[in-house]
Amino acid sequence: MKLRELAHSRTGDKGNTLNISVICYEARHYEHLRAVLTPERVKAHLADVVRGSVVRYELPAIAAFNFVLGDALGGGVTRSLALDAHGKSLSSALMGLEIEAPAAG
């Protein structure tokens, strides 16, 4: 299944750092995503763009995660020649990640 079936996302940027928030549609899926949506998996999925570290911050009270992706914007908005210098399309790319379906029940 695609991550977008269980969550939606928002993005933000500062310089050459991008953050992508992943917000569960239903709080009951938080623990499942906590297990399968690791920083390593996010970095591997976005490896063509993300050159730096990926750090995950957990926000269980709102069933969300914030991923901070370093060296991800080609030098930053004012320096990048990328078509998407703000990195907004990377949240859509992350939502296309194939993940394991949660256990029934």
PDB file of N, CA and C in Angstrom:
ATOM      1  N   MET A   1       0.838  -1.178   0.000  1.00  0.00           N
ATOM      2  CA  MET A   1       0.000   0.000   0.000  1.00  0.00           C
ATOM      3  C   MET A   1       0.880   1.237   0.000  1.00  0.00           C
ATOM      4  N   LYS A   2       0.356   2.326  -0.448  1.00  0.00           N
ATOM      5  CA  LYS A   2       1.082   3.592  -0.463  1.00  0.00           C
ATOM      6  C   LYS A   2       0.878   4.311   0.871  1.00  0.00           C
ATOM      7  N   LEU A   3       1.910   5.010   1.298  1.00  0.00           N
ATOM      8  CA  LEU A   3       1.838   5.785   2.533  1.00  0.00           C
ATOM      9  C   LEU A   3       0.660   6.746   2.507  1.00  0.00           C
ATOM     10  N   ARG A   4       0.342   7.304   1.335  1.00  0.00           N
ATOM     11  CA  ARG A   4      -0.752   8.279   1.233  1.00  0.00           C
ATOM     12  C   ARG A   4      -2.113   7.703   1.628  1.00  0.00           C
ATOM     13  N   GLU A   5      -2.224   6.382   1.700  1.00  0.00           N
ATOM     14  CA  GLU A   5      -3.489   5.776   2.119  1.00  0.00           C
ATOM     15  C   GLU A   5      -3.709   5.904   3.624  1.00  0.00           C
ATOM     16  N   LEU A   6      -2.636   6.136   4.384  1.00  0.00           N
ATOM     17  CA  LEU A   6      -2.736   6.243   5.839  1.00  0.00           C
ATOM     18  C   LEU A   6      -2.426   7.633   6.374  1.00  0.00           C
ATOM     19  N   ALA A   7      -1.825   8.491   5.536  1.00  0.00           N
ATOM     20  CA  ALA A   7      -1.381   9.788   6.039  1.00  0.00           C
ATOM     21  C   ALA A   7      -1.337  10.827   4.926  1.00  0.00           C
ATOM     22  N   HIS A   8      -1.252  12.077   5.350  1.00  0.00           N
ATOM     23  CA  HIS A   8      -1.011  13.181   4.421  1.00  0.00           C
ATOM     24  C   HIS A   8       0.226  13.922   4.906  1.00  0.00           C
ATOM     25  N   SER A   9       0.668  14.930   4.159  1.00  0.00           N
ATOM     26  CA  SER A   9       1.917  15.582   4.524  1.00  0.00           C
ATOM     27  C   SER A   9       1.878  17.081   4.270  1.00  0.00           C
ATOM     28  N   ARG A  10       2.839  17.760   4.890  1.00  0.00           N
ATOM     29  CA  ARG A  10       3.093  19.194   4.697  1.00  0.00           C
ATOM     30  C   ARG A  10       4.606  19.375   4.640  1.00  0.00           C
ATOM     31  N   THR A  11       5.067  20.410   3.993  1.00  0.00           N
ATOM     32  CA  THR A  11       6.498  20.659   3.918  1.00  0.00           C
ATOM     33  C   THR A  11       6.836  22.089   4.328  1.00  0.00           C
ATOM     34  N   GLY A  12       8.098  22.278   4.647  1.00  0.00           N
ATOM     35  CA  GLY A  12       8.642  23.598   4.940  1.00  0.00           C
ATOM     36  C   GLY A  12      10.126  23.574   4.636  1.00  0.00           C
ATOM     37  N   ASP A  13      10.728  24.737   4.464  1.00  0.00           N
ATOM     38  CA  ASP A  13      12.153  24.764   4.155  1.00  0.00           C
ATOM     39  C   ASP A  13      12.822  25.949   4.825  1.00  0.00           C
ATOM     40  N   LYS A  14      14.086  25.755   5.141  1.00  0.00           N
ATOM     41  CA  LYS A  14      14.973  26.812   5.632  1.00  0.00           C
ATOM     42  C   LYS A  14      16.327  26.555   5.009  1.00  0.00           C
ATOM     43  N   GLY A  15      16.767  27.429   4.151  1.00  0.00           N
ATOM     44  CA  GLY A  15      18.057  27.235   3.490  1.00  0.00           C
ATOM     45  C   GLY A  15      18.065  25.954   2.692  1.00  0.00           C
ATOM     46  N   ASN A  16      19.002  25.085   2.994  1.00  0.00           N
ATOM     47  CA  ASN A  16      19.164  23.826   2.274  1.00  0.00           C
ATOM     48  C   ASN A  16      18.542  22.651   3.038  1.00  0.00           C
ATOM     49  N   THR A  17      17.728  22.962   4.036  1.00  0.00           N
ATOM     50  CA  THR A  17      17.087  21.940   4.866  1.00  0.00           C
ATOM     51  C   THR A  17      15.588  21.931   4.592  1.00  0.00           C
ATOM     52  N   LEU A  18      15.064  20.747   4.416  1.00  0.00           N
ATOM     53  CA  LEU A  18      13.633  20.563   4.167  1.00  0.00           C
ATOM     54  C   LEU A  18      13.026  19.780   5.316  1.00  0.00           C
ATOM     55  N   ASN A  19      11.826  20.149   5.733  1.00  0.00           N
ATOM     56  CA  ASN A  19      11.122  19.273   6.666  1.00  0.00           C
ATOM     57  C   ASN A  19       9.814  18.834   6.035  1.00  0.00           C
ATOM     58  N   ILE A  20       9.514  17.570   6.265  1.00  0.00           N
ATOM     59  CA  ILE A  20       8.270  16.981   5.778  1.00  0.00           C
ATOM     60  C   ILE A  20       7.540  16.405   6.980  1.00  0.00           C
ATOM     61  N   SER A  21       6.350  16.911   7.218  1.00  0.00           N
ATOM     62  CA  SER A  21       5.504  16.361   8.273  1.00  0.00           C
ATOM     63  C   SER A  21       4.591  15.313   7.666  1.00  0.00           C
ATOM     64  N   VAL A  22       4.480  14.185   8.339  1.00  0.00           N
ATOM     65  CA  VAL A  22       3.594  13.096   7.935  1.00  0.00           C
ATOM     66  C   VAL A  22       2.548  12.967   9.033  1.00  0.00           C
ATOM     67  N   ILE A  23       1.280  13.169   8.678  1.00  0.00           N
ATOM     68  CA  ILE A  23       0.197  13.210   9.652  1.00  0.00           C
ATOM     69  C   ILE A  23      -0.787  12.091   9.358  1.00  0.00           C
ATOM     70  N   CYS A  24      -0.981  11.228  10.329  1.00  0.00           N
ATOM     71  CA  CYS A  24      -1.904  10.099  10.156  1.00  0.00           C
ATOM     72  C   CYS A  24      -3.337  10.600  10.002  1.00  0.00           C
ATOM     73  N   TYR A  25      -4.082   9.981   9.100  1.00  0.00           N
ATOM     74  CA  TYR A  25      -5.504  10.279   9.003  1.00  0.00           C
ATOM     75  C   TYR A  25      -6.228   9.792  10.255  1.00  0.00           C
ATOM     76  N   GLU A  26      -5.795   8.642  10.756  1.00  0.00           N
ATOM     77  CA  GLU A  26      -6.401   8.060  11.951  1.00  0.00           C
ATOM     78  C   GLU A  26      -5.298   7.748  12.954  1.00  0.00           C
ATOM     79  N   ALA A  27      -5.490   8.165  14.198  1.00  0.00           N
ATOM     80  CA  ALA A  27      -4.478   7.976  15.244  1.00  0.00           C
ATOM     81  C   ALA A  27      -4.113   6.503  15.434  1.00  0.00           C
ATOM     82  N   ARG A  28      -5.028   5.604  15.120  1.00  0.00           N
ATOM     83  CA  ARG A  28      -4.750   4.178  15.316  1.00  0.00           C
ATOM     84  C   ARG A  28      -3.617   3.673  14.419  1.00  0.00           C
ATOM     85  N   HIS A  29      -3.269   4.410  13.385  1.00  0.00           N
ATOM     86  CA  HIS A  29      -2.187   3.996  12.493  1.00  0.00           C
ATOM     87  C   HIS A  29      -0.818   4.541  12.904  1.00  0.00           C
ATOM     88  N   TYR A  30      -0.774   5.352  13.947  1.00  0.00           N
ATOM     89  CA  TYR A  30       0.480   5.980  14.361  1.00  0.00           C
ATOM     90  C   TYR A  30       1.563   4.951  14.693  1.00  0.00           C
ATOM     91  N   GLU A  31       1.259   3.970  15.517  1.00  0.00           N
ATOM     92  CA  GLU A  31       2.278   2.992  15.920  1.00  0.00           C
ATOM     93  C   GLU A  31       2.767   2.167  14.735  1.00  0.00           C
ATOM     94  N   HIS A  32       1.872   1.862  13.818  1.00  0.00           N
ATOM     95  CA  HIS A  32       2.295   1.127  12.623  1.00  0.00           C
ATOM     96  C   HIS A  32       3.284   1.968  11.814  1.00  0.00           C
ATOM     97  N   LEU A  33       2.953   3.226  11.585  1.00  0.00           N
ATOM     98  CA  LEU A  33       3.858   4.090  10.822  1.00  0.00           C
ATOM     99  C   LEU A  33       5.147   4.335  11.593  1.00  0.00           C
ATOM    100  N   ARG A  34       5.059   4.389  12.893  1.00  0.00           N
ATOM    101  CA  ARG A  34       6.272   4.543  13.704  1.00  0.00           C
ATOM    102  C   ARG A  34       7.238   3.390  13.446  1.00  0.00           C
ATOM    103  N   ALA A  35       6.691   2.201  13.250  1.00  0.00           N
ATOM    104  CA  ALA A  35       7.520   1.022  13.021  1.00  0.00           C
ATOM    105  C   ALA A  35       8.082   0.956  11.595  1.00  0.00           C
ATOM    106  N   VAL A  36       7.308   1.362  10.614  1.00  0.00           N
ATOM    107  CA  VAL A  36       7.728   1.161   9.223  1.00  0.00           C
ATOM    108  C   VAL A  36       8.321   2.401   8.552  1.00  0.00           C
ATOM    109  N   LEU A  37       8.042   3.577   9.080  1.00  0.00           N
ATOM    110  CA  LEU A  37       8.489   4.815   8.443  1.00  0.00           C
ATOM    111  C   LEU A  37       9.718   5.357   9.182  1.00  0.00           C
ATOM    112  N   THR A  38      10.819   4.684   8.996  1.00  0.00           N
ATOM    113  CA  THR A  38      12.059   5.045   9.685  1.00  0.00           C
ATOM    114  C   THR A  38      12.821   6.120   8.914  1.00  0.00           C
ATOM    115  N   PRO A  39      13.714   6.826   9.589  1.00  0.00           N
ATOM    116  CA  PRO A  39      14.541   7.805   8.873  1.00  0.00           C
ATOM    117  C   PRO A  39      15.351   7.155   7.751  1.00  0.00           C
ATOM    118  N   GLU A  40      15.840   5.959   7.982  1.00  0.00           N
ATOM    119  CA  GLU A  40      16.618   5.254   6.962  1.00  0.00           C
ATOM    120  C   GLU A  40      15.777   4.951   5.729  1.00  0.00           C
ATOM    121  N   ARG A  41      14.544   4.583   5.950  1.00  0.00           N
ATOM    122  CA  ARG A  41      13.656   4.263   4.835  1.00  0.00           C
ATOM    123  C   ARG A  41      13.297   5.522   4.044  1.00  0.00           C
ATOM    124  N   VAL A  42      13.058   6.610   4.766  1.00  0.00           N
ATOM    125  CA  VAL A  42      12.764   7.883   4.101  1.00  0.00           C
ATOM    126  C   VAL A  42      13.969   8.327   3.275  1.00  0.00           C
ATOM    127  N   LYS A  43      15.164   8.251   3.862  1.00  0.00           N
ATOM    128  CA  LYS A  43      16.377   8.652   3.132  1.00  0.00           C
ATOM    129  C   LYS A  43      16.581   7.791   1.895  1.00  0.00           C
ATOM    130  N   ALA A  44      16.372   6.495   2.018  1.00  0.00           N
ATOM    131  CA  ALA A  44      16.538   5.602   0.870  1.00  0.00           C
ATOM    132  C   ALA A  44      15.525   5.935  -0.226  1.00  0.00           C
ATOM    133  N   HIS A  45      14.300   6.238   0.159  1.00  0.00           N
ATOM    134  CA  HIS A  45      13.249   6.542  -0.809  1.00  0.00           C
ATOM    135  C   HIS A  45      13.536   7.847  -1.563  1.00  0.00           C
ATOM    136  N   LEU A  46      14.155   8.806  -0.877  1.00  0.00           N
ATOM    137  CA  LEU A  46      14.427  10.113  -1.472  1.00  0.00           C
ATOM    138  C   LEU A  46      15.919  10.299  -1.778  1.00  0.00           C
ATOM    139  N   ALA A  47      16.629   9.201  -1.954  1.00  0.00           N
ATOM    140  CA  ALA A  47      18.083   9.222  -2.106  1.00  0.00           C
ATOM    141  C   ALA A  47      18.569  10.056  -3.286  1.00  0.00           C
ATOM    142  N   ASP A  48      17.782  10.198  -4.318  1.00  0.00           N
ATOM    143  CA  ASP A  48      18.211  10.976  -5.476  1.00  0.00           C
ATOM    144  C   ASP A  48      18.295  12.469  -5.170  1.00  0.00           C
ATOM    145  N   VAL A  49      17.648  12.895  -4.087  1.00  0.00           N
ATOM    146  CA  VAL A  49      17.581  14.319  -3.756  1.00  0.00           C
ATOM    147  C   VAL A  49      18.254  14.644  -2.429  1.00  0.00           C
ATOM    148  N   VAL A  50      18.036  13.805  -1.431  1.00  0.00           N
ATOM    149  CA  VAL A  50      18.530  14.085  -0.077  1.00  0.00           C
ATOM    150  C   VAL A  50      19.974  13.614   0.050  1.00  0.00           C
ATOM    151  N   ARG A  51      20.865  14.555   0.266  1.00  0.00           N
ATOM    152  CA  ARG A  51      22.295  14.250   0.378  1.00  0.00           C
ATOM    153  C   ARG A  51      22.765  14.173   1.836  1.00  0.00           C
ATOM    154  N   GLY A  52      22.013  14.777   2.737  1.00  0.00           N
ATOM    155  CA  GLY A  52      22.408  14.835   4.149  1.00  0.00           C
ATOM    156  C   GLY A  52      21.649  13.849   5.002  1.00  0.00           C
ATOM    157  N   SER A  53      21.631  14.137   6.282  1.00  0.00           N
ATOM    158  CA  SER A  53      20.975  13.247   7.239  1.00  0.00           C
ATOM    159  C   SER A  53      19.457  13.421   7.212  1.00  0.00           C
ATOM    160  N   VAL A  54      18.770  12.403   7.712  1.00  0.00           N
ATOM    161  CA  VAL A  54      17.325  12.461   7.896  1.00  0.00           C
ATOM    162  C   VAL A  54      17.056  12.158   9.372  1.00  0.00           C
ATOM    163  N   VAL A  55      16.397  13.089  10.041  1.00  0.00           N
ATOM    164  CA  VAL A  55      16.072  12.940  11.452  1.00  0.00           C
ATOM    165  C   VAL A  55      14.561  12.921  11.589  1.00  0.00           C
ATOM    166  N   ARG A  56      14.052  11.966  12.381  1.00  0.00           N
ATOM    167  CA  ARG A  56      12.602  11.867  12.607  1.00  0.00           C
ATOM    168  C   ARG A  56      12.271  12.359  14.008  1.00  0.00           C
ATOM    169  N   TYR A  57      11.309  13.256  14.090  1.00  0.00           N
ATOM    170  CA  TYR A  57      10.764  13.697  15.367  1.00  0.00           C
ATOM    171  C   TYR A  57       9.360  13.131  15.486  1.00  0.00           C
ATOM    172  N   GLU A  58       9.076  12.518  16.612  1.00  0.00           N
ATOM    173  CA  GLU A  58       7.781  11.870  16.827  1.00  0.00           C
ATOM    174  C   GLU A  58       6.844  12.799  17.596  1.00  0.00           C
ATOM    175  N   LEU A  59       5.609  12.870  17.139  1.00  0.00           N
ATOM    176  CA  LEU A  59       4.591  13.725  17.749  1.00  0.00           C
ATOM    177  C   LEU A  59       3.344  12.887  18.036  1.00  0.00           C
ATOM    178  N   PRO A  60       3.422  11.975  19.006  1.00  0.00           N
ATOM    179  CA  PRO A  60       2.320  11.044  19.244  1.00  0.00           C
ATOM    180  C   PRO A  60       1.003  11.719  19.642  1.00  0.00           C
ATOM    181  N   ALA A  61       1.075  12.865  20.284  1.00  0.00           N
ATOM    182  CA  ALA A  61      -0.158  13.533  20.718  1.00  0.00           C
ATOM    183  C   ALA A  61      -1.035  13.950  19.536  1.00  0.00           C
ATOM    184  N   ILE A  62      -0.405  14.151  18.383  1.00  0.00           N
ATOM    185  CA  ILE A  62      -1.183  14.522  17.189  1.00  0.00           C
ATOM    186  C   ILE A  62      -1.027  13.487  16.074  1.00  0.00           C
ATOM    187  N   ALA A  63      -0.511  12.311  16.427  1.00  0.00           N
ATOM    188  CA  ALA A  63      -0.341  11.201  15.477  1.00  0.00           C
ATOM    189  C   ALA A  63       0.401  11.651  14.218  1.00  0.00           C
ATOM    190  N   ALA A  64       1.575  12.246  14.444  1.00  0.00           N
ATOM    191  CA  ALA A  64       2.349  12.788  13.328  1.00  0.00           C
ATOM    192  C   ALA A  64       3.850  12.597  13.548  1.00  0.00           C
ATOM    193  N   PHE A  65       4.592  12.802  12.474  1.00  0.00           N
ATOM    194  CA  PHE A  65       6.047  12.758  12.489  1.00  0.00           C
ATOM    195  C   PHE A  65       6.549  13.968  11.721  1.00  0.00           C
ATOM    196  N   ASN A  66       7.704  14.475  12.104  1.00  0.00           N
ATOM    197  CA  ASN A  66       8.351  15.522  11.344  1.00  0.00           C
ATOM    198  C   ASN A  66       9.735  15.011  10.963  1.00  0.00           C
ATOM    199  N   PHE A  67       9.983  14.938   9.681  1.00  0.00           N
ATOM    200  CA  PHE A  67      11.279  14.504   9.167  1.00  0.00           C
ATOM    201  C   PHE A  67      12.054  15.738   8.721  1.00  0.00           C
ATOM    202  N   VAL A  68      13.272  15.872   9.225  1.00  0.00           N
ATOM    203  CA  VAL A  68      14.144  16.974   8.839  1.00  0.00           C
ATOM    204  C   VAL A  68      15.216  16.388   7.927  1.00  0.00           C
ATOM    205  N   LEU A  69      15.251  16.865   6.688  1.00  0.00           N
ATOM    206  CA  LEU A  69      16.132  16.344   5.648  1.00  0.00           C
ATOM    207  C   LEU A  69      17.207  17.375   5.336  1.00  0.00           C
ATOM    208  N   GLY A  70      18.441  17.032   5.651  1.00  0.00           N
ATOM    209  CA  GLY A  70      19.557  17.945   5.419  1.00  0.00           C
ATOM    210  C   GLY A  70      20.088  17.841   4.007  1.00  0.00           C
ATOM    211  N   ASP A  71      20.643  18.927   3.535  1.00  0.00           N
ATOM    212  CA  ASP A  71      21.237  18.996   2.202  1.00  0.00           C
ATOM    213  C   ASP A  71      20.287  18.397   1.160  1.00  0.00           C
ATOM    214  N   ALA A  72      19.082  18.965   1.134  1.00  0.00           N
ATOM    215  CA  ALA A  72      18.026  18.378   0.307  1.00  0.00           C
ATOM    216  C   ALA A  72      17.495  19.317  -0.776  1.00  0.00           C
ATOM    217  N   LEU A  73      17.975  20.548  -0.797  1.00  0.00           N
ATOM    218  CA  LEU A  73      17.369  21.519  -1.716  1.00  0.00           C
ATOM    219  C   LEU A  73      18.368  22.130  -2.688  1.00  0.00           C
ATOM    220  N   GLY A  74      19.398  21.393  -3.003  1.00  0.00           N
ATOM    221  CA  GLY A  74      20.357  21.863  -3.998  1.00  0.00           C
ATOM    222  C   GLY A  74      21.033  23.168  -3.629  1.00  0.00           C
ATOM    223  N   GLY A  75      21.239  23.398  -2.349  1.00  0.00           N
ATOM    224  CA  GLY A  75      21.895  24.625  -1.896  1.00  0.00           C
ATOM    225  C   GLY A  75      20.933  25.626  -1.285  1.00  0.00           C
ATOM    226  N   GLY A  76      19.642  25.425  -1.451  1.00  0.00           N
ATOM    227  CA  GLY A  76      18.649  26.352  -0.912  1.00  0.00           C
ATOM    228  C   GLY A  76      17.938  27.102  -2.019  1.00  0.00           C
ATOM    229  N   VAL A  77      16.854  27.736  -1.664  1.00  0.00           N
ATOM    230  CA  VAL A  77      15.962  28.364  -2.637  1.00  0.00           C
ATOM    231  C   VAL A  77      16.684  29.389  -3.510  1.00  0.00           C
ATOM    232  N   THR A  78      17.520  30.207  -2.930  1.00  0.00           N
ATOM    233  CA  THR A  78      18.159  31.264  -3.713  1.00  0.00           C
ATOM    234  C   THR A  78      19.377  30.781  -4.483  1.00  0.00           C
ATOM    235  N   ARG A  79      19.817  29.540  -4.248  1.00  0.00           N
ATOM    236  CA  ARG A  79      21.012  29.032  -4.909  1.00  0.00           C
ATOM    237  C   ARG A  79      20.731  27.862  -5.851  1.00  0.00           C
ATOM    238  N   SER A  80      19.590  27.240  -5.711  1.00  0.00           N
ATOM    239  CA  SER A  80      19.296  26.023  -6.449  1.00  0.00           C
ATOM    240  C   SER A  80      18.800  26.304  -7.860  1.00  0.00           C
ATOM    241  N   LEU A  81      19.175  25.445  -8.782  1.00  0.00           N
ATOM    242  CA  LEU A  81      18.642  25.489 -10.136  1.00  0.00           C
ATOM    243  C   LEU A  81      17.499  24.495 -10.315  1.00  0.00           C
ATOM    244  N   ALA A  82      17.125  23.830  -9.227  1.00  0.00           N
ATOM    245  CA  ALA A  82      16.056  22.835  -9.281  1.00  0.00           C
ATOM    246  C   ALA A  82      14.719  23.489  -9.626  1.00  0.00           C
ATOM    247  N   LEU A  83      13.875  22.761 -10.321  1.00  0.00           N
ATOM    248  CA  LEU A  83      12.548  23.280 -10.657  1.00  0.00           C
ATOM    249  C   LEU A  83      11.686  23.478  -9.417  1.00  0.00           C
ATOM    250  N   ASP A  84      11.934  22.681  -8.382  1.00  0.00           N
ATOM    251  CA  ASP A  84      11.173  22.776  -7.141  1.00  0.00           C
ATOM    252  C   ASP A  84      12.134  23.130  -6.010  1.00  0.00           C
ATOM    253  N   ALA A  85      12.621  24.348  -6.006  1.00  0.00           N
ATOM    254  CA  ALA A  85      13.632  24.758  -5.032  1.00  0.00           C
ATOM    255  C   ALA A  85      13.130  24.712  -3.598  1.00  0.00           C
ATOM    256  N   HIS A  86      11.823  24.806  -3.397  1.00  0.00           N
ATOM    257  CA  HIS A  86      11.250  24.731  -2.052  1.00  0.00           C
ATOM    258  C   HIS A  86      11.048  23.285  -1.594  1.00  0.00           C
ATOM    259  N   GLY A  87      11.108  22.342  -2.488  1.00  0.00           N
ATOM    260  CA  GLY A  87      10.961  20.937  -2.122  1.00  0.00           C
ATOM    261  C   GLY A  87       9.537  20.473  -1.877  1.00  0.00           C
ATOM    262  N   LYS A  88       8.555  21.234  -2.305  1.00  0.00           N
ATOM    263  CA  LYS A  88       7.154  20.863  -2.045  1.00  0.00           C
ATOM    264  C   LYS A  88       6.792  19.523  -2.681  1.00  0.00           C
ATOM    265  N   SER A  89       7.348  19.217  -3.836  1.00  0.00           N
ATOM    266  CA  SER A  89       7.001  17.961  -4.501  1.00  0.00           C
ATOM    267  C   SER A  89       7.575  16.746  -3.772  1.00  0.00           C
ATOM    268  N   LEU A  90       8.560  16.950  -2.895  1.00  0.00           N
ATOM    269  CA  LEU A  90       9.121  15.808  -2.170  1.00  0.00           C
ATOM    270  C   LEU A  90       8.119  15.203  -1.193  1.00  0.00           C
ATOM    271  N   SER A  91       7.179  16.000  -0.696  1.00  0.00           N
ATOM    272  CA  SER A  91       6.153  15.409   0.169  1.00  0.00           C
ATOM    273  C   SER A  91       5.278  14.455  -0.638  1.00  0.00           C
ATOM    274  N   SER A  92       4.978  14.806  -1.875  1.00  0.00           N
ATOM    275  CA  SER A  92       4.211  13.896  -2.735  1.00  0.00           C
ATOM    276  C   SER A  92       5.021  12.655  -3.050  1.00  0.00           C
ATOM    277  N   ALA A  93       6.319  12.840  -3.279  1.00  0.00           N
ATOM    278  CA  ALA A  93       7.185  11.681  -3.535  1.00  0.00           C
ATOM    279  C   ALA A  93       7.211  10.757  -2.331  1.00  0.00           C
ATOM    280  N   LEU A  94       7.274  11.320  -1.130  1.00  0.00           N
ATOM    281  CA  LEU A  94       7.282  10.487   0.078  1.00  0.00           C
ATOM    282  C   LEU A  94       5.952   9.761   0.245  1.00  0.00           C
ATOM    283  N   MET A  95       4.853  10.408  -0.102  1.00  0.00           N
ATOM    284  CA  MET A  95       3.541   9.767   0.038  1.00  0.00           C
ATOM    285  C   MET A  95       3.402   8.568  -0.898  1.00  0.00           C
ATOM    286  N   GLY A  96       4.241   8.489  -1.915  1.00  0.00           N
ATOM    287  CA  GLY A  96       4.235   7.347  -2.826  1.00  0.00           C
ATOM    288  C   GLY A  96       5.039   6.162  -2.337  1.00  0.00           C
ATOM    289  N   LEU A  97       5.642   6.279  -1.162  1.00  0.00           N
ATOM    290  CA  LEU A  97       6.419   5.182  -0.592  1.00  0.00           C
ATOM    291  C   LEU A  97       5.540   3.962  -0.351  1.00  0.00           C
ATOM    292  N   GLU A  98       5.985   2.807  -0.826  1.00  0.00           N
ATOM    293  CA  GLU A  98       5.275   1.553  -0.571  1.00  0.00           C
ATOM    294  C   GLU A  98       5.584   1.101   0.849  1.00  0.00           C
ATOM    295  N   ILE A  99       4.538   0.879   1.644  1.00  0.00           N
ATOM    296  CA  ILE A  99       4.708   0.415   3.018  1.00  0.00           C
ATOM    297  C   ILE A  99       3.850  -0.824   3.241  1.00  0.00           C
ATOM    298  N   GLU A 100       4.170  -1.526   4.304  1.00  0.00           N
ATOM    299  CA  GLU A 100       3.390  -2.694   4.683  1.00  0.00           C
ATOM    300  C   GLU A 100       2.032  -2.218   5.223  1.00  0.00           C
ATOM    301  N   ALA A 101       0.994  -2.947   4.915  1.00  0.00           N
ATOM    302  CA  ALA A 101      -0.325  -2.617   5.440  1.00  0.00           C
ATOM    303  C   ALA A 101      -0.374  -2.933   6.924  1.00  0.00           C
ATOM    304  N   PRO A 102      -1.141  -2.140   7.705  1.00  0.00           N
ATOM    305  CA  PRO A 102      -1.264  -2.454   9.125  1.00  0.00           C
ATOM    306  C   PRO A 102      -2.036  -3.760   9.310  1.00  0.00           C
ATOM    307  N   ALA A 103      -1.813  -4.367  10.449  1.00  0.00           N
ATOM    308  CA  ALA A 103      -2.534  -5.588  10.769  1.00  0.00           C
ATOM    309  C   ALA A 103      -4.032  -5.305  10.849  1.00  0.00           C
ATOM    310  N   ALA A 104      -4.814  -6.240  10.410  1.00  0.00           N
ATOM    311  CA  ALA A 104      -6.271  -6.076  10.467  1.00  0.00           C
ATOM    312  C   ALA A 104      -6.721  -6.020  11.919  1.00  0.00           C
ATOM    313  N   GLY A 105      -7.736  -5.194  12.142  1.00  0.00           N
ATOM    314  CA  GLY A 105      -8.289  -5.162  13.496  1.00  0.00           C
ATOM    315  C   GLY A 105      -8.351  -3.871  14.127  1.00  0.00           C
TER     316      GLY A 105
END
